[in-house]
Amino acid sequence: MLALMANPDSDRIRELKMAAKWSTDGDEKKSAISELLQYGDEGISAIQEVLSVTAYEDVKQACLEAIRSIGRAQKSNAAPKKRKAVKKASKKKKKRV
């Protein structure tokens, strides 16, 4: 029988999410969010979950900044799109008299 091993990253993400959601220490919450940020796309859903349950404004701000930071990192890693040159047809119609 094939034994499935748990992904160590997902276990760590789960631990950090629980700390960010339920810790009584605000600094520990923000530290967990900062560490979740390092997981990028894998950590964003955990950060969003923390954002949805927290009542603390500073934790909400930390979540929002982490989400923005992940978005900026994704944009900078994306391949730049090539723009096609667009010629404007600026021919003027001549009036016939």
PDB file of N, CA and C in Angstrom:
ATOM      1  N   MET A   1       0.843  -1.181   0.000  1.00  0.00           N
ATOM      2  CA  MET A   1       0.000   0.000   0.000  1.00  0.00           C
ATOM      3  C   MET A   1       0.886   1.241   0.000  1.00  0.00           C
ATOM      4  N   LEU A   2       0.520   2.214  -0.806  1.00  0.00           N
ATOM      5  CA  LEU A   2       1.296   3.427  -0.941  1.00  0.00           C
ATOM      6  C   LEU A   2       0.966   4.382   0.199  1.00  0.00           C
ATOM      7  N   ALA A   3       1.981   4.731   0.950  1.00  0.00           N
ATOM      8  CA  ALA A   3       1.781   5.671   2.052  1.00  0.00           C
ATOM      9  C   ALA A   3       1.987   7.086   1.521  1.00  0.00           C
ATOM     10  N   LEU A   4       1.012   7.916   1.741  1.00  0.00           N
ATOM     11  CA  LEU A   4       1.105   9.307   1.288  1.00  0.00           C
ATOM     12  C   LEU A   4       1.774  10.138   2.373  1.00  0.00           C
ATOM     13  N   MET A   5       2.776  10.882   1.951  1.00  0.00           N
ATOM     14  CA  MET A   5       3.468  11.761   2.887  1.00  0.00           C
ATOM     15  C   MET A   5       2.858  13.149   2.786  1.00  0.00           C
ATOM     16  N   ALA A   6       2.691  13.765   3.916  1.00  0.00           N
ATOM     17  CA  ALA A   6       2.160  15.126   3.940  1.00  0.00           C
ATOM     18  C   ALA A   6       3.234  16.093   3.443  1.00  0.00           C
ATOM     19  N   ASN A   7       2.807  17.096   2.729  1.00  0.00           N
ATOM     20  CA  ASN A   7       3.718  18.118   2.235  1.00  0.00           C
ATOM     21  C   ASN A   7       4.184  18.960   3.424  1.00  0.00           C
ATOM     22  N   PRO A   8       5.505  19.019   3.683  1.00  0.00           N
ATOM     23  CA  PRO A   8       5.993  19.800   4.825  1.00  0.00           C
ATOM     24  C   PRO A   8       5.621  21.277   4.726  1.00  0.00           C
ATOM     25  N   ASP A   9       5.593  21.813   3.494  1.00  0.00           N
ATOM     26  CA  ASP A   9       5.203  23.216   3.335  1.00  0.00           C
ATOM     27  C   ASP A   9       3.762  23.432   3.765  1.00  0.00           C
ATOM     28  N   SER A  10       2.871  22.543   3.366  1.00  0.00           N
ATOM     29  CA  SER A  10       1.467  22.733   3.723  1.00  0.00           C
ATOM     30  C   SER A  10       1.256  22.591   5.228  1.00  0.00           C
ATOM     31  N   ASP A  11       2.035  21.728   5.867  1.00  0.00           N
ATOM     32  CA  ASP A  11       1.949  21.609   7.325  1.00  0.00           C
ATOM     33  C   ASP A  11       2.408  22.901   7.994  1.00  0.00           C
ATOM     34  N   ARG A  12       3.499  23.465   7.490  1.00  0.00           N
ATOM     35  CA  ARG A  12       4.011  24.710   8.067  1.00  0.00           C
ATOM     36  C   ARG A  12       3.050  25.863   7.813  1.00  0.00           C
ATOM     37  N   ILE A  13       2.470  25.913   6.630  1.00  0.00           N
ATOM     38  CA  ILE A  13       1.487  26.950   6.313  1.00  0.00           C
ATOM     39  C   ILE A  13       0.301  26.856   7.260  1.00  0.00           C
ATOM     40  N   ARG A  14      -0.151  25.636   7.511  1.00  0.00           N
ATOM     41  CA  ARG A  14      -1.278  25.427   8.439  1.00  0.00           C
ATOM     42  C   ARG A  14      -0.915  25.907   9.845  1.00  0.00           C
ATOM     43  N   GLU A  15       0.299  25.598  10.304  1.00  0.00           N
ATOM     44  CA  GLU A  15       0.741  26.045  11.632  1.00  0.00           C
ATOM     45  C   GLU A  15       0.779  27.567  11.714  1.00  0.00           C
ATOM     46  N   LEU A  16       1.327  28.193  10.682  1.00  0.00           N
ATOM     47  CA  LEU A  16       1.414  29.650  10.669  1.00  0.00           C
ATOM     48  C   LEU A  16       0.040  30.284  10.622  1.00  0.00           C
ATOM     49  N   LYS A  17      -0.859  29.700   9.846  1.00  0.00           N
ATOM     50  CA  LYS A  17      -2.216  30.230   9.754  1.00  0.00           C
ATOM     51  C   LYS A  17      -2.901  30.174  11.117  1.00  0.00           C
ATOM     52  N   MET A  18      -2.742  29.059  11.815  1.00  0.00           N
ATOM     53  CA  MET A  18      -3.359  28.925  13.132  1.00  0.00           C
ATOM     54  C   MET A  18      -2.768  29.936  14.119  1.00  0.00           C
ATOM     55  N   ALA A  19      -1.458  30.148  14.046  1.00  0.00           N
ATOM     56  CA  ALA A  19      -0.826  31.128  14.926  1.00  0.00           C
ATOM     57  C   ALA A  19      -1.341  32.533  14.612  1.00  0.00           C
ATOM     58  N   ALA A  20      -1.458  32.847  13.324  1.00  0.00           N
ATOM     59  CA  ALA A  20      -1.923  34.178  12.928  1.00  0.00           C
ATOM     60  C   ALA A  20      -3.393  34.385  13.303  1.00  0.00           C
ATOM     61  N   LYS A  21      -4.160  33.330  13.299  1.00  0.00           N
ATOM     62  CA  LYS A  21      -5.583  33.456  13.626  1.00  0.00           C
ATOM     63  C   LYS A  21      -5.840  33.485  15.131  1.00  0.00           C
ATOM     64  N   TRP A  22      -5.150  32.655  15.895  1.00  0.00           N
ATOM     65  CA  TRP A  22      -5.574  32.422  17.278  1.00  0.00           C
ATOM     66  C   TRP A  22      -4.581  32.814  18.356  1.00  0.00           C
ATOM     67  N   SER A  23      -3.403  33.263  17.998  1.00  0.00           N
ATOM     68  CA  SER A  23      -2.446  33.681  19.017  1.00  0.00           C
ATOM     69  C   SER A  23      -2.979  34.901  19.761  1.00  0.00           C
ATOM     70  N   THR A  24      -2.624  35.006  21.019  1.00  0.00           N
ATOM     71  CA  THR A  24      -3.028  36.184  21.796  1.00  0.00           C
ATOM     72  C   THR A  24      -2.006  37.308  21.680  1.00  0.00           C
ATOM     73  N   ASP A  25      -0.854  37.002  21.099  1.00  0.00           N
ATOM     74  CA  ASP A  25       0.226  37.971  20.939  1.00  0.00           C
ATOM     75  C   ASP A  25       0.175  38.573  19.531  1.00  0.00           C
ATOM     76  N   GLY A  26      -0.074  39.876  19.451  1.00  0.00           N
ATOM     77  CA  GLY A  26      -0.166  40.558  18.159  1.00  0.00           C
ATOM     78  C   GLY A  26       1.110  40.465  17.338  1.00  0.00           C
ATOM     79  N   ASP A  27       2.253  40.527  18.008  1.00  0.00           N
ATOM     80  CA  ASP A  27       3.528  40.418  17.290  1.00  0.00           C
ATOM     81  C   ASP A  27       3.707  39.019  16.691  1.00  0.00           C
ATOM     82  N   GLU A  28       3.253  38.012  17.423  1.00  0.00           N
ATOM     83  CA  GLU A  28       3.333  36.647  16.904  1.00  0.00           C
ATOM     84  C   GLU A  28       2.428  36.483  15.684  1.00  0.00           C
ATOM     85  N   LYS A  29       1.248  37.113  15.719  1.00  0.00           N
ATOM     86  CA  LYS A  29       0.335  37.075  14.583  1.00  0.00           C
ATOM     87  C   LYS A  29       0.993  37.686  13.343  1.00  0.00           C
ATOM     88  N   LYS A  30       1.571  38.875  13.512  1.00  0.00           N
ATOM     89  CA  LYS A  30       2.206  39.559  12.382  1.00  0.00           C
ATOM     90  C   LYS A  30       3.450  38.821  11.896  1.00  0.00           C
ATOM     91  N   SER A  31       4.164  38.200  12.800  1.00  0.00           N
ATOM     92  CA  SER A  31       5.327  37.409  12.418  1.00  0.00           C
ATOM     93  C   SER A  31       4.902  36.198  11.579  1.00  0.00           C
ATOM     94  N   ALA A  32       3.817  35.563  11.963  1.00  0.00           N
ATOM     95  CA  ALA A  32       3.302  34.414  11.203  1.00  0.00           C
ATOM     96  C   ALA A  32       2.858  34.853   9.811  1.00  0.00           C
ATOM     97  N   ILE A  33       2.236  36.017   9.727  1.00  0.00           N
ATOM     98  CA  ILE A  33       1.813  36.544   8.423  1.00  0.00           C
ATOM     99  C   ILE A  33       3.023  36.830   7.558  1.00  0.00           C
ATOM    100  N   SER A  34       4.050  37.407   8.138  1.00  0.00           N
ATOM    101  CA  SER A  34       5.283  37.684   7.386  1.00  0.00           C
ATOM    102  C   SER A  34       5.910  36.401   6.859  1.00  0.00           C
ATOM    103  N   GLU A  35       5.863  35.358   7.662  1.00  0.00           N
ATOM    104  CA  GLU A  35       6.421  34.087   7.209  1.00  0.00           C
ATOM    105  C   GLU A  35       5.539  33.457   6.129  1.00  0.00           C
ATOM    106  N   LEU A  36       4.228  33.609   6.256  1.00  0.00           N
ATOM    107  CA  LEU A  36       3.321  33.105   5.213  1.00  0.00           C
ATOM    108  C   LEU A  36       3.594  33.796   3.881  1.00  0.00           C
ATOM    109  N   LEU A  37       3.986  35.034   3.943  1.00  0.00           N
ATOM    110  CA  LEU A  37       4.308  35.804   2.744  1.00  0.00           C
ATOM    111  C   LEU A  37       5.389  35.113   1.917  1.00  0.00           C
ATOM    112  N   GLN A  38       6.315  34.453   2.578  1.00  0.00           N
ATOM    113  CA  GLN A  38       7.421  33.780   1.894  1.00  0.00           C
ATOM    114  C   GLN A  38       6.951  32.598   1.048  1.00  0.00           C
ATOM    115  N   TYR A  39       5.750  32.097   1.292  1.00  0.00           N
ATOM    116  CA  TYR A  39       5.225  30.955   0.540  1.00  0.00           C
ATOM    117  C   TYR A  39       4.481  31.379  -0.725  1.00  0.00           C
ATOM    118  N   GLY A  40       4.365  32.679  -0.933  1.00  0.00           N
ATOM    119  CA  GLY A  40       3.744  33.184  -2.160  1.00  0.00           C
ATOM    120  C   GLY A  40       2.322  32.695  -2.351  1.00  0.00           C
ATOM    121  N   ASP A  41       2.042  32.149  -3.537  1.00  0.00           N
ATOM    122  CA  ASP A  41       0.694  31.685  -3.861  1.00  0.00           C
ATOM    123  C   ASP A  41       0.164  30.659  -2.871  1.00  0.00           C
ATOM    124  N   GLU A  42       1.042  29.814  -2.369  1.00  0.00           N
ATOM    125  CA  GLU A  42       0.613  28.784  -1.429  1.00  0.00           C
ATOM    126  C   GLU A  42       0.181  29.394  -0.098  1.00  0.00           C
ATOM    127  N   GLY A  43       0.736  30.520   0.263  1.00  0.00           N
ATOM    128  CA  GLY A  43       0.402  31.148   1.536  1.00  0.00           C
ATOM    129  C   GLY A  43      -0.713  32.165   1.458  1.00  0.00           C
ATOM    130  N   ILE A  44      -1.061  32.580   0.244  1.00  0.00           N
ATOM    131  CA  ILE A  44      -2.041  33.673   0.113  1.00  0.00           C
ATOM    132  C   ILE A  44      -3.427  33.283   0.620  1.00  0.00           C
ATOM    133  N   SER A  45      -3.852  32.057   0.398  1.00  0.00           N
ATOM    134  CA  SER A  45      -5.184  31.669   0.872  1.00  0.00           C
ATOM    135  C   SER A  45      -5.227  31.649   2.400  1.00  0.00           C
ATOM    136  N   ALA A  46      -4.122  31.264   3.033  1.00  0.00           N
ATOM    137  CA  ALA A  46      -4.056  31.293   4.490  1.00  0.00           C
ATOM    138  C   ALA A  46      -4.124  32.732   5.000  1.00  0.00           C
ATOM    139  N   ILE A  47      -3.415  33.625   4.316  1.00  0.00           N
ATOM    140  CA  ILE A  47      -3.437  35.042   4.709  1.00  0.00           C
ATOM    141  C   ILE A  47      -4.842  35.611   4.541  1.00  0.00           C
ATOM    142  N   GLN A  48      -5.512  35.252   3.457  1.00  0.00           N
ATOM    143  CA  GLN A  48      -6.877  35.727   3.237  1.00  0.00           C
ATOM    144  C   GLN A  48      -7.823  35.202   4.314  1.00  0.00           C
ATOM    145  N   GLU A  49      -7.603  33.976   4.742  1.00  0.00           N
ATOM    146  CA  GLU A  49      -8.435  33.414   5.810  1.00  0.00           C
ATOM    147  C   GLU A  49      -8.218  34.166   7.120  1.00  0.00           C
ATOM    148  N   VAL A  50      -6.961  34.477   7.421  1.00  0.00           N
ATOM    149  CA  VAL A  50      -6.655  35.258   8.627  1.00  0.00           C
ATOM    150  C   VAL A  50      -7.334  36.619   8.535  1.00  0.00           C
ATOM    151  N   LEU A  51      -7.242  37.247   7.375  1.00  0.00           N
ATOM    152  CA  LEU A  51      -7.866  38.555   7.163  1.00  0.00           C
ATOM    153  C   LEU A  51      -9.368  38.496   7.415  1.00  0.00           C
ATOM    154  N   SER A  52      -9.998  37.408   7.019  1.00  0.00           N
ATOM    155  CA  SER A  52     -11.460  37.310   7.150  1.00  0.00           C
ATOM    156  C   SER A  52     -11.925  37.100   8.588  1.00  0.00           C
ATOM    157  N   VAL A  53     -11.042  36.618   9.481  1.00  0.00           N
ATOM    158  CA  VAL A  53     -11.495  36.339  10.845  1.00  0.00           C
ATOM    159  C   VAL A  53     -10.955  37.293  11.897  1.00  0.00           C
ATOM    160  N   THR A  54      -9.915  38.048  11.567  1.00  0.00           N
ATOM    161  CA  THR A  54      -9.307  38.889  12.606  1.00  0.00           C
ATOM    162  C   THR A  54     -10.122  40.153  12.866  1.00  0.00           C
ATOM    163  N   ALA A  55     -10.059  40.583  14.100  1.00  0.00           N
ATOM    164  CA  ALA A  55     -10.736  41.817  14.482  1.00  0.00           C
ATOM    165  C   ALA A  55      -9.731  42.947  14.709  1.00  0.00           C
ATOM    166  N   TYR A  56      -8.446  42.638  14.636  1.00  0.00           N
ATOM    167  CA  TYR A  56      -7.401  43.607  14.924  1.00  0.00           C
ATOM    168  C   TYR A  56      -6.977  44.334  13.659  1.00  0.00           C
ATOM    169  N   GLU A  57      -7.045  45.668  13.714  1.00  0.00           N
ATOM    170  CA  GLU A  57      -6.708  46.482  12.540  1.00  0.00           C
ATOM    171  C   GLU A  57      -5.255  46.313  12.101  1.00  0.00           C
ATOM    172  N   ASP A  58      -4.344  46.211  13.059  1.00  0.00           N
ATOM    173  CA  ASP A  58      -2.939  46.063  12.678  1.00  0.00           C
ATOM    174  C   ASP A  58      -2.679  44.720  11.994  1.00  0.00           C
ATOM    175  N   VAL A  59      -3.392  43.695  12.392  1.00  0.00           N
ATOM    176  CA  VAL A  59      -3.255  42.385  11.755  1.00  0.00           C
ATOM    177  C   VAL A  59      -3.893  42.426  10.367  1.00  0.00           C
ATOM    178  N   LYS A  60      -5.037  43.111  10.259  1.00  0.00           N
ATOM    179  CA  LYS A  60      -5.673  43.270   8.941  1.00  0.00           C
ATOM    180  C   LYS A  60      -4.728  43.990   7.976  1.00  0.00           C
ATOM    181  N   GLN A  61      -4.089  45.051   8.461  1.00  0.00           N
ATOM    182  CA  GLN A  61      -3.156  45.802   7.618  1.00  0.00           C
ATOM    183  C   GLN A  61      -1.956  44.937   7.209  1.00  0.00           C
ATOM    184  N   ALA A  62      -1.467  44.116   8.139  1.00  0.00           N
ATOM    185  CA  ALA A  62      -0.356  43.215   7.816  1.00  0.00           C
ATOM    186  C   ALA A  62      -0.778  42.209   6.740  1.00  0.00           C
ATOM    187  N   CYS A  63      -2.009  41.709   6.843  1.00  0.00           N
ATOM    188  CA  CYS A  63      -2.532  40.773   5.836  1.00  0.00           C
ATOM    189  C   CYS A  63      -2.646  41.455   4.479  1.00  0.00           C
ATOM    190  N   LEU A  64      -3.214  42.636   4.459  1.00  0.00           N
ATOM    191  CA  LEU A  64      -3.398  43.353   3.195  1.00  0.00           C
ATOM    192  C   LEU A  64      -2.055  43.675   2.542  1.00  0.00           C
ATOM    193  N   GLU A  65      -1.088  44.091   3.336  1.00  0.00           N
ATOM    194  CA  GLU A  65       0.230  44.395   2.786  1.00  0.00           C
ATOM    195  C   GLU A  65       0.904  43.131   2.252  1.00  0.00           C
ATOM    196  N   ALA A  66       0.722  42.024   2.941  1.00  0.00           N
ATOM    197  CA  ALA A  66       1.303  40.757   2.469  1.00  0.00           C
ATOM    198  C   ALA A  66       0.674  40.345   1.143  1.00  0.00           C
ATOM    199  N   ILE A  67      -0.631  40.493   1.024  1.00  0.00           N
ATOM    200  CA  ILE A  67      -1.328  40.152  -0.221  1.00  0.00           C
ATOM    201  C   ILE A  67      -0.848  41.052  -1.349  1.00  0.00           C
ATOM    202  N   ARG A  68      -0.718  42.345  -1.078  1.00  0.00           N
ATOM    203  CA  ARG A  68      -0.206  43.277  -2.093  1.00  0.00           C
ATOM    204  C   ARG A  68       1.210  42.907  -2.515  1.00  0.00           C
ATOM    205  N   SER A  69       2.019  42.562  -1.543  1.00  0.00           N
ATOM    206  CA  SER A  69       3.408  42.210  -1.818  1.00  0.00           C
ATOM    207  C   SER A  69       3.504  40.968  -2.705  1.00  0.00           C
ATOM    208  N   ILE A  70       2.673  39.982  -2.439  1.00  0.00           N
ATOM    209  CA  ILE A  70       2.650  38.780  -3.276  1.00  0.00           C
ATOM    210  C   ILE A  70       2.210  39.146  -4.688  1.00  0.00           C
ATOM    211  N   GLY A  71       1.220  40.017  -4.803  1.00  0.00           N
ATOM    212  CA  GLY A  71       0.761  40.467  -6.122  1.00  0.00           C
ATOM    213  C   GLY A  71       1.850  41.192  -6.889  1.00  0.00           C
ATOM    214  N   ARG A  72       2.598  42.060  -6.192  1.00  0.00           N
ATOM    215  CA  ARG A  72       3.700  42.776  -6.850  1.00  0.00           C
ATOM    216  C   ARG A  72       4.780  41.807  -7.312  1.00  0.00           C
ATOM    217  N   ALA A  73       5.073  40.814  -6.491  1.00  0.00           N
ATOM    218  CA  ALA A  73       6.095  39.825  -6.847  1.00  0.00           C
ATOM    219  C   ALA A  73       5.659  39.017  -8.066  1.00  0.00           C
ATOM    220  N   GLN A  74       4.379  38.702  -8.142  1.00  0.00           N
ATOM    221  CA  GLN A  74       3.873  37.950  -9.288  1.00  0.00           C
ATOM    222  C   GLN A  74       3.977  38.782 -10.558  1.00  0.00           C
ATOM    223  N   LYS A  75       3.662  40.063 -10.454  1.00  0.00           N
ATOM    224  CA  LYS A  75       3.737  40.938 -11.630  1.00  0.00           C
ATOM    225  C   LYS A  75       5.169  41.100 -12.108  1.00  0.00           C
ATOM    226  N   SER A  76       6.100  41.227 -11.176  1.00  0.00           N
ATOM    227  CA  SER A  76       7.487  41.418 -11.576  1.00  0.00           C
ATOM    228  C   SER A  76       8.102  40.137 -12.141  1.00  0.00           C
ATOM    229  N   ASN A  77       7.576  38.981 -11.768  1.00  0.00           N
ATOM    230  CA  ASN A  77       8.088  37.714 -12.280  1.00  0.00           C
ATOM    231  C   ASN A  77       7.435  37.312 -13.589  1.00  0.00           C
ATOM    232  N   ALA A  78       6.327  37.943 -13.926  1.00  0.00           N
ATOM    233  CA  ALA A  78       5.629  37.608 -15.164  1.00  0.00           C
ATOM    234  C   ALA A  78       6.440  38.103 -16.356  1.00  0.00           C
ATOM    235  N   ALA A  79       6.385  37.350 -17.421  1.00  0.00           N
ATOM    236  CA  ALA A  79       7.097  37.752 -18.641  1.00  0.00           C
ATOM    237  C   ALA A  79       6.448  39.006 -19.200  1.00  0.00           C
ATOM    238  N   PRO A  80       7.250  39.976 -19.568  1.00  0.00           N
ATOM    239  CA  PRO A  80       6.662  41.200 -20.119  1.00  0.00           C
ATOM    240  C   PRO A  80       5.963  40.910 -21.443  1.00  0.00           C
ATOM    241  N   LYS A  81       4.822  41.511 -21.593  1.00  0.00           N
ATOM    242  CA  LYS A  81       4.060  41.328 -22.827  1.00  0.00           C
ATOM    243  C   LYS A  81       4.573  42.288 -23.889  1.00  0.00           C
ATOM    244  N   LYS A  82       4.660  41.784 -25.102  1.00  0.00           N
ATOM    245  CA  LYS A  82       5.091  42.625 -26.205  1.00  0.00           C
ATOM    246  C   LYS A  82       3.900  43.409 -26.714  1.00  0.00           C
ATOM    247  N   ARG A  83       4.150  44.656 -26.963  1.00  0.00           N
ATOM    248  CA  ARG A  83       3.095  45.504 -27.505  1.00  0.00           C
ATOM    249  C   ARG A  83       3.255  45.585 -29.001  1.00  0.00           C
ATOM    250  N   LYS A  84       2.156  45.487 -29.665  1.00  0.00           N
ATOM    251  CA  LYS A  84       2.188  45.644 -31.108  1.00  0.00           C
ATOM    252  C   LYS A  84       2.093  47.123 -31.442  1.00  0.00           C
ATOM    253  N   ALA A  85       2.842  47.502 -32.425  1.00  0.00           N
ATOM    254  CA  ALA A  85       2.783  48.891 -32.869  1.00  0.00           C
ATOM    255  C   ALA A  85       1.459  49.097 -33.589  1.00  0.00           C
ATOM    256  N   VAL A  86       0.802  50.135 -33.234  1.00  0.00           N
ATOM    257  CA  VAL A  86      -0.487  50.438 -33.840  1.00  0.00           C
ATOM    258  C   VAL A  86      -0.344  51.717 -34.641  1.00  0.00           C
ATOM    259  N   LYS A  87      -0.633  51.611 -35.920  1.00  0.00           N
ATOM    260  CA  LYS A  87      -0.581  52.799 -36.764  1.00  0.00           C
ATOM    261  C   LYS A  87      -1.955  53.442 -36.763  1.00  0.00           C
ATOM    262  N   LYS A  88      -1.932  54.715 -36.596  1.00  0.00           N
ATOM    263  CA  LYS A  88      -3.194  55.438 -36.641  1.00  0.00           C
ATOM    264  C   LYS A  88      -3.444  55.882 -38.067  1.00  0.00           C
ATOM    265  N   ALA A  89      -4.632  55.641 -38.501  1.00  0.00           N
ATOM    266  CA  ALA A  89      -5.011  56.091 -39.855  1.00  0.00           C
ATOM    267  C   ALA A  89      -5.454  57.525 -39.708  1.00  0.00           C
ATOM    268  N   SER A  90      -4.565  58.414 -40.083  1.00  0.00           N
ATOM    269  CA  SER A  90      -4.879  59.830 -39.920  1.00  0.00           C
ATOM    270  C   SER A  90      -5.065  60.534 -41.240  1.00  0.00           C
ATOM    271  N   LYS A  91      -5.594  59.785 -42.176  1.00  0.00           N
ATOM    272  CA  LYS A  91      -5.854  60.413 -43.477  1.00  0.00           C
ATOM    273  C   LYS A  91      -7.105  61.270 -43.353  1.00  0.00           C
ATOM    274  N   LYS A  92      -6.974  62.436 -43.861  1.00  0.00           N
ATOM    275  CA  LYS A  92      -8.131  63.353 -43.835  1.00  0.00           C
ATOM    276  C   LYS A  92      -8.846  63.241 -45.163  1.00  0.00           C
ATOM    277  N   LYS A  93     -10.127  63.239 -45.081  1.00  0.00           N
ATOM    278  CA  LYS A  93     -10.929  63.216 -46.312  1.00  0.00           C
ATOM    279  C   LYS A  93     -10.952  64.609 -46.906  1.00  0.00           C
ATOM    280  N   LYS A  94     -10.740  64.623 -48.190  1.00  0.00           N
ATOM    281  CA  LYS A  94     -10.783  65.913 -48.883  1.00  0.00           C
ATOM    282  C   LYS A  94     -12.195  66.217 -49.295  1.00  0.00           C
ATOM    283  N   LYS A  95     -12.534  67.439 -49.105  1.00  0.00           N
ATOM    284  CA  LYS A  95     -13.864  67.889 -49.534  1.00  0.00           C
ATOM    285  C   LYS A  95     -13.828  68.200 -50.994  1.00  0.00           C
ATOM    286  N   ARG A  96     -14.824  67.714 -51.698  1.00  0.00           N
ATOM    287  CA  ARG A  96     -14.950  68.045 -53.104  1.00  0.00           C
ATOM    288  C   ARG A  96     -15.928  69.183 -53.259  1.00  0.00           C
ATOM    289  N   VAL A  97     -15.517  70.143 -53.975  1.00  0.00           N
ATOM    290  CA  VAL A  97     -16.361  71.313 -54.168  1.00  0.00           C
ATOM    291  C   VAL A  97     -16.982  71.296 -55.536  1.00  0.00           C
TER     292      VAL A  97
END
